[in-house]
Amino acid sequence: MIFFGINPTLEVLNSKHLRNIKEIIIDKAKENPRIETITGLASKSGVKVRFVDRPVLNNITKTSSHQGVAFD
């Protein structure tokens, strides 16, 4: 199941459910300090991060309201 949005991603990265994340998918053109925080937390936690073009992320999430980040 795909989840998306900045706050849900930050919440799961800071929770005990971190081990359930397979990867974080980020719009490679999105510039946002909170997404940089997500990338840093993922790196520290050993979570895979994949950067994709926005249309790919739109397709993965089935919406354009993902705020540039999703996780599986």
PDB file of N, CA and C in Angstrom:
ATOM      1  N   MET A   1       0.848  -1.176   0.000  1.00  0.00           N
ATOM      2  CA  MET A   1       0.000   0.000   0.000  1.00  0.00           C
ATOM      3  C   MET A   1       0.896   1.242   0.000  1.00  0.00           C
ATOM      4  N   ILE A   2       0.538   2.212  -0.804  1.00  0.00           N
ATOM      5  CA  ILE A   2       1.294   3.457  -0.908  1.00  0.00           C
ATOM      6  C   ILE A   2       0.633   4.523  -0.033  1.00  0.00           C
ATOM      7  N   PHE A   3       1.455   5.203   0.759  1.00  0.00           N
ATOM      8  CA  PHE A   3       1.021   6.345   1.557  1.00  0.00           C
ATOM      9  C   PHE A   3       1.772   7.557   1.045  1.00  0.00           C
ATOM     10  N   PHE A   4       1.222   8.741   1.227  1.00  0.00           N
ATOM     11  CA  PHE A   4       1.908   9.919   0.713  1.00  0.00           C
ATOM     12  C   PHE A   4       1.644  11.124   1.581  1.00  0.00           C
ATOM     13  N   GLY A   5       2.492  12.138   1.390  1.00  0.00           N
ATOM     14  CA  GLY A   5       2.390  13.382   2.137  1.00  0.00           C
ATOM     15  C   GLY A   5       3.579  13.557   3.058  1.00  0.00           C
ATOM     16  N   ILE A   6       3.916  14.805   3.306  1.00  0.00           N
ATOM     17  CA  ILE A   6       5.087  15.114   4.133  1.00  0.00           C
ATOM     18  C   ILE A   6       4.868  14.688   5.580  1.00  0.00           C
ATOM     19  N   ASN A   7       3.768  15.093   6.193  1.00  0.00           N
ATOM     20  CA  ASN A   7       3.547  14.755   7.605  1.00  0.00           C
ATOM     21  C   ASN A   7       3.458  13.252   7.855  1.00  0.00           C
ATOM     22  N   PRO A   8       2.699  12.486   7.074  1.00  0.00           N
ATOM     23  CA  PRO A   8       2.677  11.041   7.312  1.00  0.00           C
ATOM     24  C   PRO A   8       4.057  10.395   7.173  1.00  0.00           C
ATOM     25  N   THR A   9       4.841  10.880   6.223  1.00  0.00           N
ATOM     26  CA  THR A   9       6.180  10.316   6.031  1.00  0.00           C
ATOM     27  C   THR A   9       7.069  10.630   7.215  1.00  0.00           C
ATOM     28  N   LEU A  10       7.040  11.879   7.689  1.00  0.00           N
ATOM     29  CA  LEU A  10       7.830  12.243   8.859  1.00  0.00           C
ATOM     30  C   LEU A  10       7.386  11.450  10.088  1.00  0.00           C
ATOM     31  N   GLU A  11       6.100  11.284  10.249  1.00  0.00           N
ATOM     32  CA  GLU A  11       5.588  10.545  11.406  1.00  0.00           C
ATOM     33  C   GLU A  11       6.076   9.101  11.414  1.00  0.00           C
ATOM     34  N   VAL A  12       6.016   8.450  10.280  1.00  0.00           N
ATOM     35  CA  VAL A  12       6.446   7.049  10.247  1.00  0.00           C
ATOM     36  C   VAL A  12       7.966   6.931  10.415  1.00  0.00           C
ATOM     37  N   LEU A  13       8.720   7.900   9.907  1.00  0.00           N
ATOM     38  CA  LEU A  13      10.175   7.866  10.080  1.00  0.00           C
ATOM     39  C   LEU A  13      10.577   8.064  11.544  1.00  0.00           C
ATOM     40  N   ASN A  14       9.742   8.746  12.291  1.00  0.00           N
ATOM     41  CA  ASN A  14      10.023   9.008  13.699  1.00  0.00           C
ATOM     42  C   ASN A  14       9.302   8.044  14.638  1.00  0.00           C
ATOM     43  N   SER A  15       8.756   6.974  14.109  1.00  0.00           N
ATOM     44  CA  SER A  15       7.971   6.053  14.935  1.00  0.00           C
ATOM     45  C   SER A  15       8.590   4.667  14.972  1.00  0.00           C
ATOM     46  N   LYS A  16       7.984   3.816  15.773  1.00  0.00           N
ATOM     47  CA  LYS A  16       8.425   2.428  15.855  1.00  0.00           C
ATOM     48  C   LYS A  16       8.045   1.637  14.603  1.00  0.00           C
ATOM     49  N   HIS A  17       7.221   2.220  13.734  1.00  0.00           N
ATOM     50  CA  HIS A  17       6.789   1.544  12.509  1.00  0.00           C
ATOM     51  C   HIS A  17       7.782   1.716  11.359  1.00  0.00           C
ATOM     52  N   LEU A  18       8.906   2.323  11.651  1.00  0.00           N
ATOM     53  CA  LEU A  18       9.929   2.576  10.633  1.00  0.00           C
ATOM     54  C   LEU A  18      10.322   1.296   9.904  1.00  0.00           C
ATOM     55  N   ARG A  19      10.390   0.209  10.612  1.00  0.00           N
ATOM     56  CA  ARG A  19      10.827  -1.053  10.003  1.00  0.00           C
ATOM     57  C   ARG A  19       9.870  -1.547   8.917  1.00  0.00           C
ATOM     58  N   ASN A  20       8.668  -0.996   8.880  1.00  0.00           N
ATOM     59  CA  ASN A  20       7.682  -1.413   7.884  1.00  0.00           C
ATOM     60  C   ASN A  20       7.817  -0.679   6.560  1.00  0.00           C
ATOM     61  N   ILE A  21       8.691   0.306   6.474  1.00  0.00           N
ATOM     62  CA  ILE A  21       8.851   1.073   5.237  1.00  0.00           C
ATOM     63  C   ILE A  21       9.801   0.340   4.296  1.00  0.00           C
ATOM     64  N   LYS A  22       9.345   0.097   3.074  1.00  0.00           N
ATOM     65  CA  LYS A  22      10.204  -0.520   2.060  1.00  0.00           C
ATOM     66  C   LYS A  22      11.061   0.534   1.373  1.00  0.00           C
ATOM     67  N   GLU A  23      10.440   1.650   1.000  1.00  0.00           N
ATOM     68  CA  GLU A  23      11.174   2.742   0.366  1.00  0.00           C
ATOM     69  C   GLU A  23      10.367   4.028   0.431  1.00  0.00           C
ATOM     70  N   ILE A  24      11.103   5.133   0.305  1.00  0.00           N
ATOM     71  CA  ILE A  24      10.491   6.454   0.204  1.00  0.00           C
ATOM     72  C   ILE A  24      10.727   6.936  -1.215  1.00  0.00           C
ATOM     73  N   ILE A  25       9.684   7.449  -1.837  1.00  0.00           N
ATOM     74  CA  ILE A  25       9.748   7.902  -3.221  1.00  0.00           C
ATOM     75  C   ILE A  25       9.546   9.411  -3.215  1.00  0.00           C
ATOM     76  N   ILE A  26      10.493  10.135  -3.831  1.00  0.00           N
ATOM     77  CA  ILE A  26      10.475  11.596  -3.781  1.00  0.00           C
ATOM     78  C   ILE A  26      10.523  12.178  -5.186  1.00  0.00           C
ATOM     79  N   ASP A  27       9.737  13.206  -5.402  1.00  0.00           N
ATOM     80  CA  ASP A  27       9.772  13.977  -6.650  1.00  0.00           C
ATOM     81  C   ASP A  27      11.129  14.670  -6.713  1.00  0.00           C
ATOM     82  N   LYS A  28      11.933  14.316  -7.695  1.00  0.00           N
ATOM     83  CA  LYS A  28      13.303  14.832  -7.750  1.00  0.00           C
ATOM     84  C   LYS A  28      13.379  16.329  -8.020  1.00  0.00           C
ATOM     85  N   ALA A  29      12.301  16.936  -8.493  1.00  0.00           N
ATOM     86  CA  ALA A  29      12.308  18.379  -8.754  1.00  0.00           C
ATOM     87  C   ALA A  29      11.776  19.184  -7.564  1.00  0.00           C
ATOM     88  N   LYS A  30      11.241  18.513  -6.565  1.00  0.00           N
ATOM     89  CA  LYS A  30      10.616  19.200  -5.428  1.00  0.00           C
ATOM     90  C   LYS A  30      11.694  19.693  -4.468  1.00  0.00           C
ATOM     91  N   GLU A  31      11.673  20.990  -4.189  1.00  0.00           N
ATOM     92  CA  GLU A  31      12.606  21.575  -3.235  1.00  0.00           C
ATOM     93  C   GLU A  31      11.813  22.048  -2.033  1.00  0.00           C
ATOM     94  N   ASN A  32      12.077  21.425  -0.901  1.00  0.00           N
ATOM     95  CA  ASN A  32      11.354  21.733   0.316  1.00  0.00           C
ATOM     96  C   ASN A  32      12.232  21.304   1.490  1.00  0.00           C
ATOM     97  N   PRO A  33      12.459  22.169   2.453  1.00  0.00           N
ATOM     98  CA  PRO A  33      13.304  21.808   3.595  1.00  0.00           C
ATOM     99  C   PRO A  33      12.786  20.586   4.360  1.00  0.00           C
ATOM    100  N   ARG A  34      11.489  20.394   4.382  1.00  0.00           N
ATOM    101  CA  ARG A  34      10.933  19.239   5.096  1.00  0.00           C
ATOM    102  C   ARG A  34      11.219  17.942   4.343  1.00  0.00           C
ATOM    103  N   ILE A  35      11.287  18.014   3.016  1.00  0.00           N
ATOM    104  CA  ILE A  35      11.654  16.829   2.245  1.00  0.00           C
ATOM    105  C   ILE A  35      13.136  16.532   2.454  1.00  0.00           C
ATOM    106  N   GLU A  36      13.954  17.568   2.602  1.00  0.00           N
ATOM    107  CA  GLU A  36      15.369  17.352   2.932  1.00  0.00           C
ATOM    108  C   GLU A  36      15.493  16.671   4.293  1.00  0.00           C
ATOM    109  N   THR A  37      14.644  17.031   5.236  1.00  0.00           N
ATOM    110  CA  THR A  37      14.627  16.364   6.547  1.00  0.00           C
ATOM    111  C   THR A  37      14.259  14.892   6.376  1.00  0.00           C
ATOM    112  N   ILE A  38      13.278  14.612   5.552  1.00  0.00           N
ATOM    113  CA  ILE A  38      12.870  13.225   5.283  1.00  0.00           C
ATOM    114  C   ILE A  38      14.035  12.438   4.702  1.00  0.00           C
ATOM    115  N   THR A  39      14.726  13.022   3.735  1.00  0.00           N
ATOM    116  CA  THR A  39      15.867  12.350   3.115  1.00  0.00           C
ATOM    117  C   THR A  39      16.948  12.057   4.153  1.00  0.00           C
ATOM    118  N   GLY A  40      17.224  13.013   5.020  1.00  0.00           N
ATOM    119  CA  GLY A  40      18.233  12.817   6.059  1.00  0.00           C
ATOM    120  C   GLY A  40      17.838  11.734   7.047  1.00  0.00           C
ATOM    121  N   LEU A  41      16.599  11.751   7.501  1.00  0.00           N
ATOM    122  CA  LEU A  41      16.123  10.725   8.434  1.00  0.00           C
ATOM    123  C   LEU A  41      16.155   9.338   7.789  1.00  0.00           C
ATOM    124  N   ALA A  42      15.778   9.272   6.526  1.00  0.00           N
ATOM    125  CA  ALA A  42      15.798   7.986   5.822  1.00  0.00           C
ATOM    126  C   ALA A  42      17.225   7.457   5.721  1.00  0.00           C
ATOM    127  N   SER A  43      18.164   8.322   5.389  1.00  0.00           N
ATOM    128  CA  SER A  43      19.566   7.905   5.284  1.00  0.00           C
ATOM    129  C   SER A  43      20.083   7.375   6.618  1.00  0.00           C
ATOM    130  N   LYS A  44      19.790   8.096   7.691  1.00  0.00           N
ATOM    131  CA  LYS A  44      20.231   7.673   9.030  1.00  0.00           C
ATOM    132  C   LYS A  44      19.615   6.343   9.434  1.00  0.00           C
ATOM    133  N   SER A  45      18.410   6.086   8.957  1.00  0.00           N
ATOM    134  CA  SER A  45      17.687   4.873   9.340  1.00  0.00           C
ATOM    135  C   SER A  45      17.902   3.714   8.375  1.00  0.00           C
ATOM    136  N   GLY A  46      18.607   3.964   7.281  1.00  0.00           N
ATOM    137  CA  GLY A  46      18.855   2.912   6.305  1.00  0.00           C
ATOM    138  C   GLY A  46      17.677   2.603   5.404  1.00  0.00           C
ATOM    139  N   VAL A  47      16.753   3.546   5.279  1.00  0.00           N
ATOM    140  CA  VAL A  47      15.588   3.367   4.415  1.00  0.00           C
ATOM    141  C   VAL A  47      15.951   3.816   3.002  1.00  0.00           C
ATOM    142  N   LYS A  48      15.621   2.992   2.027  1.00  0.00           N
ATOM    143  CA  LYS A  48      15.904   3.306   0.626  1.00  0.00           C
ATOM    144  C   LYS A  48      15.091   4.516   0.186  1.00  0.00           C
ATOM    145  N   VAL A  49      15.747   5.423  -0.538  1.00  0.00           N
ATOM    146  CA  VAL A  49      15.090   6.602  -1.109  1.00  0.00           C
ATOM    147  C   VAL A  49      15.253   6.538  -2.622  1.00  0.00           C
ATOM    148  N   ARG A  50      14.148   6.720  -3.324  1.00  0.00           N
ATOM    149  CA  ARG A  50      14.178   6.724  -4.793  1.00  0.00           C
ATOM    150  C   ARG A  50      13.630   8.061  -5.271  1.00  0.00           C
ATOM    151  N   PHE A  51      14.377   8.726  -6.146  1.00  0.00           N
ATOM    152  CA  PHE A  51      13.956  10.004  -6.723  1.00  0.00           C
ATOM    153  C   PHE A  51      13.396   9.744  -8.112  1.00  0.00           C
ATOM    154  N   VAL A  52      12.209  10.301  -8.367  1.00  0.00           N
ATOM    155  CA  VAL A  52      11.528  10.084  -9.643  1.00  0.00           C
ATOM    156  C   VAL A  52      10.986  11.408 -10.169  1.00  0.00           C
ATOM    157  N   ASP A  53      10.604  11.426 -11.436  1.00  0.00           N
ATOM    158  CA  ASP A  53       9.931  12.586 -12.016  1.00  0.00           C
ATOM    159  C   ASP A  53       8.512  12.666 -11.463  1.00  0.00           C
ATOM    160  N   ARG A  54       7.977  13.881 -11.405  1.00  0.00           N
ATOM    161  CA  ARG A  54       6.638  14.099 -10.848  1.00  0.00           C
ATOM    162  C   ARG A  54       5.562  13.223 -11.510  1.00  0.00           C
ATOM    163  N   PRO A  55       5.544  13.084 -12.848  1.00  0.00           N
ATOM    164  CA  PRO A  55       4.517  12.220 -13.447  1.00  0.00           C
ATOM    165  C   PRO A  55       4.600  10.765 -12.952  1.00  0.00           C
ATOM    166  N   VAL A  56       5.789  10.302 -12.668  1.00  0.00           N
ATOM    167  CA  VAL A  56       5.938   8.943 -12.147  1.00  0.00           C
ATOM    168  C   VAL A  56       5.331   8.863 -10.746  1.00  0.00           C
ATOM    169  N   LEU A  57       5.610   9.858  -9.910  1.00  0.00           N
ATOM    170  CA  LEU A  57       5.041   9.883  -8.557  1.00  0.00           C
ATOM    171  C   LEU A  57       3.521  10.031  -8.611  1.00  0.00           C
ATOM    172  N   ASN A  58       3.024  10.840  -9.536  1.00  0.00           N
ATOM    173  CA  ASN A  58       1.572  10.957  -9.725  1.00  0.00           C
ATOM    174  C   ASN A  58       0.962   9.599 -10.057  1.00  0.00           C
ATOM    175  N   ASN A  59       1.637   8.853 -10.904  1.00  0.00           N
ATOM    176  CA  ASN A  59       1.151   7.536 -11.303  1.00  0.00           C
ATOM    177  C   ASN A  59       1.199   6.548 -10.133  1.00  0.00           C
ATOM    178  N   ILE A  60       2.270   6.583  -9.377  1.00  0.00           N
ATOM    179  CA  ILE A  60       2.417   5.672  -8.235  1.00  0.00           C
ATOM    180  C   ILE A  60       1.330   5.930  -7.194  1.00  0.00           C
ATOM    181  N   THR A  61       1.080   7.214  -6.895  1.00  0.00           N
ATOM    182  CA  THR A  61       0.114   7.563  -5.846  1.00  0.00           C
ATOM    183  C   THR A  61      -1.314   7.689  -6.365  1.00  0.00           C
ATOM    184  N   LYS A  62      -1.480   7.747  -7.672  1.00  0.00           N
ATOM    185  CA  LYS A  62      -2.797   7.931  -8.309  1.00  0.00           C
ATOM    186  C   LYS A  62      -3.417   9.286  -7.963  1.00  0.00           C
ATOM    187  N   THR A  63      -2.553  10.267  -7.662  1.00  0.00           N
ATOM    188  CA  THR A  63      -3.005  11.624  -7.362  1.00  0.00           C
ATOM    189  C   THR A  63      -1.844  12.588  -7.596  1.00  0.00           C
ATOM    190  N   SER A  64      -2.163  13.857  -7.693  1.00  0.00           N
ATOM    191  CA  SER A  64      -1.113  14.871  -7.777  1.00  0.00           C
ATOM    192  C   SER A  64      -0.989  15.616  -6.443  1.00  0.00           C
ATOM    193  N   SER A  65      -1.722  15.173  -5.440  1.00  0.00           N
ATOM    194  CA  SER A  65      -1.740  15.825  -4.124  1.00  0.00           C
ATOM    195  C   SER A  65      -0.806  15.145  -3.120  1.00  0.00           C
ATOM    196  N   HIS A  66       0.320  14.638  -3.574  1.00  0.00           N
ATOM    197  CA  HIS A  66       1.226  13.862  -2.732  1.00  0.00           C
ATOM    198  C   HIS A  66       2.283  14.693  -2.005  1.00  0.00           C
ATOM    199  N   GLN A  67       2.365  15.984  -2.294  1.00  0.00           N
ATOM    200  CA  GLN A  67       3.338  16.905  -1.703  1.00  0.00           C
ATOM    201  C   GLN A  67       4.788  16.541  -2.044  1.00  0.00           C
ATOM    202  N   GLY A  68       4.966  15.725  -3.071  1.00  0.00           N
ATOM    203  CA  GLY A  68       6.311  15.392  -3.516  1.00  0.00           C
ATOM    204  C   GLY A  68       6.955  14.207  -2.823  1.00  0.00           C
ATOM    205  N   VAL A  69       6.192  13.499  -1.997  1.00  0.00           N
ATOM    206  CA  VAL A  69       6.779  12.368  -1.266  1.00  0.00           C
ATOM    207  C   VAL A  69       5.725  11.285  -1.004  1.00  0.00           C
ATOM    208  N   ALA A  70       6.171  10.036  -1.109  1.00  0.00           N
ATOM    209  CA  ALA A  70       5.317   8.890  -0.821  1.00  0.00           C
ATOM    210  C   ALA A  70       6.187   7.791  -0.218  1.00  0.00           C
ATOM    211  N   PHE A  71       5.544   6.839   0.411  1.00  0.00           N
ATOM    212  CA  PHE A  71       6.303   5.676   0.914  1.00  0.00           C
ATOM    213  C   PHE A  71       5.461   4.427   0.819  1.00  0.00           C
ATOM    214  N   ASP A  72       6.179   3.330   0.769  1.00  0.00           N
ATOM    215  CA  ASP A  72       5.572   2.011   0.646  1.00  0.00           C
ATOM    216  C   ASP A  72       6.096   1.156   1.773  1.00  0.00           C
TER     217      ASP A  72
END
